C-alpha cells in the first residue's frame, strides 16, 4: 500500500497504521444486522460499514472540489 500498513491478527481483525507506525484504527469482521461484515473502527465505540465509508468518501470528494 502507498500510505498505510495493514497487519492482520487472526482471521477477523486487521490493524491499520501509517508509514510512521502510528495506529489509526482497525478493520474487524463483526455482525451488523443479519450479516457478518468488515467494518472500520476509528475508535472503540465508533465504526463505519463499507456503505458508510462510501458516503464519507463521496462527501470528501465533493468538498475537495469546492473552491473558496
Protein backbone atom coordinates (compact mmCIF):
# COMPACT_ATOMS: atom_id res chain seq x y z
CA UNK A 1 0.00 0.00 0.00
CA UNK A 2 1.09 3.55 -0.64
CA UNK A 3 0.26 5.36 2.63
CA UNK A 4 -1.00 2.73 5.07
CA UNK A 5 0.13 -0.57 6.54
CA UNK A 6 -2.30 -3.38 7.27
CA UNK A 7 -1.39 -6.07 9.81
CA UNK A 8 -3.82 -8.99 10.06
CA UNK A 9 -4.27 -10.56 13.52
CA UNK A 10 -6.23 -13.79 13.42
CA UNK A 11 -8.99 -14.12 10.86
CA UNK A 12 -11.26 -11.25 11.97
CA UNK A 13 -9.03 -8.23 12.74
CA UNK A 14 -6.70 -6.10 10.61
CA UNK A 15 -4.82 -3.23 12.29
CA UNK A 16 -4.11 -0.06 10.32
CA UNK A 17 -1.01 2.10 10.81
CA UNK A 18 0.52 4.91 8.81
CA UNK A 19 4.06 4.79 7.45
CA UNK A 20 5.36 6.32 10.71
CA UNK A 21 3.87 3.28 12.51
CA UNK A 22 1.14 5.34 14.24
CA UNK A 23 -2.02 3.29 14.94
CA UNK A 24 -5.02 4.69 13.04
CA UNK A 25 -7.74 2.12 13.63
CA UNK A 26 -8.68 -1.39 12.65
CA UNK A 27 -10.85 -3.39 10.30
CA UNK A 28 -12.88 -6.03 12.09
CA UNK A 29 -15.37 -8.61 10.91
CA UNK A 30 -18.46 -8.26 13.12
CA UNK A 31 -22.16 -8.93 12.94
CA UNK A 32 -24.03 -5.92 11.57
CA UNK A 33 -27.73 -6.72 11.48
CA UNK A 34 -28.20 -10.13 9.91
CA UNK A 35 -24.78 -10.29 8.23
CA UNK A 36 -21.14 -10.58 9.14
CA UNK A 37 -19.33 -7.58 7.68
CA UNK A 38 -15.91 -5.98 7.69
CA UNK A 39 -16.15 -2.54 9.28
CA UNK A 40 -13.67 0.25 10.03
CA UNK A 41 -13.26 1.08 13.72
CA UNK A 42 -11.98 4.61 14.22
CA UNK A 43 -12.09 4.20 17.99
CA UNK A 44 -13.55 1.53 20.29
CA UNK A 45 -17.09 2.97 20.13
CA UNK A 46 -17.26 4.16 16.51
CA UNK A 47 -17.28 2.06 13.37
CA UNK A 48 -18.16 2.63 9.72
CA UNK A 49 -19.58 -0.04 7.44
CA UNK A 50 -18.46 -0.20 3.81
CA UNK A 51 -21.53 1.79 2.67
CA UNK A 52 -20.88 4.48 5.32
CA UNK A 53 -17.25 4.68 4.17
CA UNK A 54 -18.53 5.19 0.60
CA UNK A 55 -20.67 8.13 1.79
CA UNK A 56 -17.72 9.72 3.60
CA UNK A 57 -15.51 9.32 0.53
CA UNK A 58 -18.21 10.84 -1.73
CA UNK A 59 -18.59 13.85 0.60
CA UNK A 60 -14.80 14.26 0.84
CA UNK A 61 -14.51 14.29 -2.95
CA UNK A 62 -17.25 16.92 -3.19
CA UNK A 63 -15.62 19.06 -0.51
CA UNK A 64 -12.24 18.81 -2.22
CA UNK A 65 -13.89 20.13 -5.39
CA UNK A 66 -15.36 23.19 -3.63
CA UNK A 67 -13.44 26.41 -4.24
CA UNK A 68 -13.42 29.00 -1.51
